Amino acid sequence: PRQIEHVGGSCKTTMAHSKARVTEAWDEQGQHSENSLHYEGRAVDLRLSDKDRTKIGYLGRLAVDAGFDWVYYQKRTHIHASVREGKTVKIG
């Protein structure tokens, strides 16, 4: 499954005027902690285009529904979502 497409489509149908945005995915520059799943292609950070903080929890729910194995409300502005070992995040 393409998790990001699923989250984006769900945002489009359930939250008018909001789009899911990937702010971080694969990291080649070493900007994450040493054991980050971003280095393995198994994690993304997501936010909403309208930056409405009241919808972040719902964005997390959409990520779970899309097939992410772990979703973390990292900050009021974005969530972190990742998949288990042996899987990769499907961007498109």
C-alpha atoms as a PDB file:
ATOM      1  CA  PRO A   1       0.000   0.000   0.000  1.00  0.00           C
ATOM      2  CA  ARG A   2       1.034   3.556  -0.587  1.00  0.00           C
ATOM      3  CA  GLN A   3       0.630   5.013   2.869  1.00  0.00           C
ATOM      4  CA  ILE A   4       1.288   8.640   1.929  1.00  0.00           C
ATOM      5  CA  GLU A   5      -1.222   8.572  -0.945  1.00  0.00           C
ATOM      6  CA  HIS A   6      -3.813   7.084   1.411  1.00  0.00           C
ATOM      7  CA  VAL A   7      -3.239   9.794   4.032  1.00  0.00           C
ATOM      8  CA  GLY A   8      -3.370  12.496   1.342  1.00  0.00           C
ATOM      9  CA  GLY A   9      -6.573  11.160  -0.160  1.00  0.00           C
ATOM     10  CA  SER A  10      -8.200  10.860   3.237  1.00  0.00           C
ATOM     11  CA  CYS A  11      -7.254  14.450   4.087  1.00  0.00           C
ATOM     12  CA  LYS A  12      -8.754  15.617   0.835  1.00  0.00           C
ATOM     13  CA  THR A  13     -12.086  13.894   1.477  1.00  0.00           C
ATOM     14  CA  THR A  14     -12.410  14.578   5.218  1.00  0.00           C
ATOM     15  CA  MET A  15     -10.667  17.903   5.793  1.00  0.00           C
ATOM     16  CA  ALA A  16     -11.456  20.477   3.136  1.00  0.00           C
ATOM     17  CA  HIS A  17      -8.674  23.047   2.738  1.00  0.00           C
ATOM     18  CA  SER A  18      -6.061  20.767   4.377  1.00  0.00           C
ATOM     19  CA  LYS A  19      -3.447  18.694   2.621  1.00  0.00           C
ATOM     20  CA  ALA A  20      -0.987  16.317   4.222  1.00  0.00           C
ATOM     21  CA  ARG A  21       2.604  17.450   3.734  1.00  0.00           C
ATOM     22  CA  VAL A  22       5.708  15.304   4.161  1.00  0.00           C
ATOM     23  CA  THR A  23       8.288  17.454   5.913  1.00  0.00           C
ATOM     24  CA  GLU A  24      10.905  14.738   6.485  1.00  0.00           C
ATOM     25  CA  ALA A  25      11.419  11.278   5.011  1.00  0.00           C
ATOM     26  CA  TRP A  26      14.681   9.629   3.902  1.00  0.00           C
ATOM     27  CA  ASP A  27      17.596  11.358   5.596  1.00  0.00           C
ATOM     28  CA  GLU A  28      21.029  11.371   3.956  1.00  0.00           C
ATOM     29  CA  GLN A  29      22.318  14.393   5.853  1.00  0.00           C
ATOM     30  CA  GLY A  30      22.406  13.000   9.379  1.00  0.00           C
ATOM     31  CA  GLN A  31      19.829  15.386  10.817  1.00  0.00           C
ATOM     32  CA  HIS A  32      18.070  12.780  12.949  1.00  0.00           C
ATOM     33  CA  SER A  33      19.150  10.804  15.991  1.00  0.00           C
ATOM     34  CA  GLU A  34      21.616   7.956  15.484  1.00  0.00           C
ATOM     35  CA  ASN A  35      19.035   5.155  15.379  1.00  0.00           C
ATOM     36  CA  SER A  36      16.349   7.046  13.455  1.00  0.00           C
ATOM     37  CA  LEU A  37      14.170   5.051  11.077  1.00  0.00           C
ATOM     38  CA  HIS A  38      14.480   7.949   8.620  1.00  0.00           C
ATOM     39  CA  TYR A  39      17.856   6.455   7.618  1.00  0.00           C
ATOM     40  CA  GLU A  40      16.161   3.193   6.652  1.00  0.00           C
ATOM     41  CA  GLY A  41      13.284   4.693   4.646  1.00  0.00           C
ATOM     42  CA  ARG A  42      10.795   3.587   7.284  1.00  0.00           C
ATOM     43  CA  ALA A  43       9.714   6.938   8.750  1.00  0.00           C
ATOM     44  CA  VAL A  44       8.114  10.216   7.745  1.00  0.00           C
ATOM     45  CA  ASP A  45       7.142  13.417   9.493  1.00  0.00           C
ATOM     46  CA  LEU A  46       3.787  14.844   8.421  1.00  0.00           C
ATOM     47  CA  ARG A  47       2.006  18.148   8.931  1.00  0.00           C
ATOM     48  CA  LEU A  48      -1.045  19.846   7.454  1.00  0.00           C
ATOM     49  CA  SER A  49      -0.827  22.506   4.775  1.00  0.00           C
ATOM     50  CA  ASP A  50      -3.075  24.891   6.700  1.00  0.00           C
ATOM     51  CA  LYS A  51      -1.022  24.309   9.885  1.00  0.00           C
ATOM     52  CA  ASP A  52      -4.226  23.926  11.899  1.00  0.00           C
ATOM     53  CA  ARG A  53      -2.984  22.418  15.165  1.00  0.00           C
ATOM     54  CA  THR A  54      -6.480  21.281  16.140  1.00  0.00           C
ATOM     55  CA  LYS A  55      -6.411  18.700  13.320  1.00  0.00           C
ATOM     56  CA  ILE A  56      -3.037  17.070  14.074  1.00  0.00           C
ATOM     57  CA  GLY A  57      -4.612  14.303  16.143  1.00  0.00           C
ATOM     58  CA  TYR A  58      -6.913  13.444  13.266  1.00  0.00           C
ATOM     59  CA  LEU A  59      -3.936  13.380  10.896  1.00  0.00           C
ATOM     60  CA  GLY A  60      -2.413  10.772  13.202  1.00  0.00           C
ATOM     61  CA  ARG A  61      -5.592   8.692  12.994  1.00  0.00           C
ATOM     62  CA  LEU A  62      -5.440   8.853   9.189  1.00  0.00           C
ATOM     63  CA  ALA A  63      -1.818   7.652   9.301  1.00  0.00           C
ATOM     64  CA  VAL A  64      -2.826   4.626  11.385  1.00  0.00           C
ATOM     65  CA  ASP A  65      -5.665   3.888   8.974  1.00  0.00           C
ATOM     66  CA  ALA A  66      -3.196   4.141   6.078  1.00  0.00           C
ATOM     67  CA  GLY A  67      -1.070   1.319   7.471  1.00  0.00           C
ATOM     68  CA  PHE A  68       1.649   2.992   9.496  1.00  0.00           C
ATOM     69  CA  ASP A  69       2.599   0.711  12.382  1.00  0.00           C
ATOM     70  CA  TRP A  70       3.586   3.456  14.806  1.00  0.00           C
ATOM     71  CA  VAL A  71       2.363   7.045  14.934  1.00  0.00           C
ATOM     72  CA  TYR A  72       3.707   9.573  17.384  1.00  0.00           C
ATOM     73  CA  TYR A  73       2.328  13.028  18.127  1.00  0.00           C
ATOM     74  CA  GLN A  74       5.795  14.566  18.065  1.00  0.00           C
ATOM     75  CA  LYS A  75       4.881  18.242  18.320  1.00  0.00           C
ATOM     76  CA  ARG A  76       1.768  20.345  18.078  1.00  0.00           C
ATOM     77  CA  THR A  77       2.689  21.032  14.471  1.00  0.00           C
ATOM     78  CA  HIS A  78       3.422  17.548  13.128  1.00  0.00           C
ATOM     79  CA  ILE A  79       3.367  13.795  13.643  1.00  0.00           C
ATOM     80  CA  HIS A  80       6.012  11.123  13.114  1.00  0.00           C
ATOM     81  CA  ALA A  81       4.876   7.891  11.452  1.00  0.00           C
ATOM     82  CA  SER A  82       6.864   4.749  10.774  1.00  0.00           C
ATOM     83  CA  VAL A  83       6.553   1.132   9.688  1.00  0.00           C
ATOM     84  CA  ARG A  84       8.013  -2.072  11.092  1.00  0.00           C
ATOM     85  CA  GLU A  85      11.248  -3.676   9.968  1.00  0.00           C
ATOM     86  CA  GLY A  86      10.916  -5.347   6.589  1.00  0.00           C
ATOM     87  CA  LYS A  87       8.564  -2.630   5.304  1.00  0.00           C
ATOM     88  CA  THR A  88       9.229   0.718   3.680  1.00  0.00           C
ATOM     89  CA  VAL A  89       7.128   3.844   3.502  1.00  0.00           C
ATOM     90  CA  LYS A  90       5.500   4.125   0.101  1.00  0.00           C
ATOM     91  CA  ILE A  91       5.543   7.756  -0.947  1.00  0.00           C
ATOM     92  CA  GLY A  92       3.998   7.558  -4.411  1.00  0.00           C
END
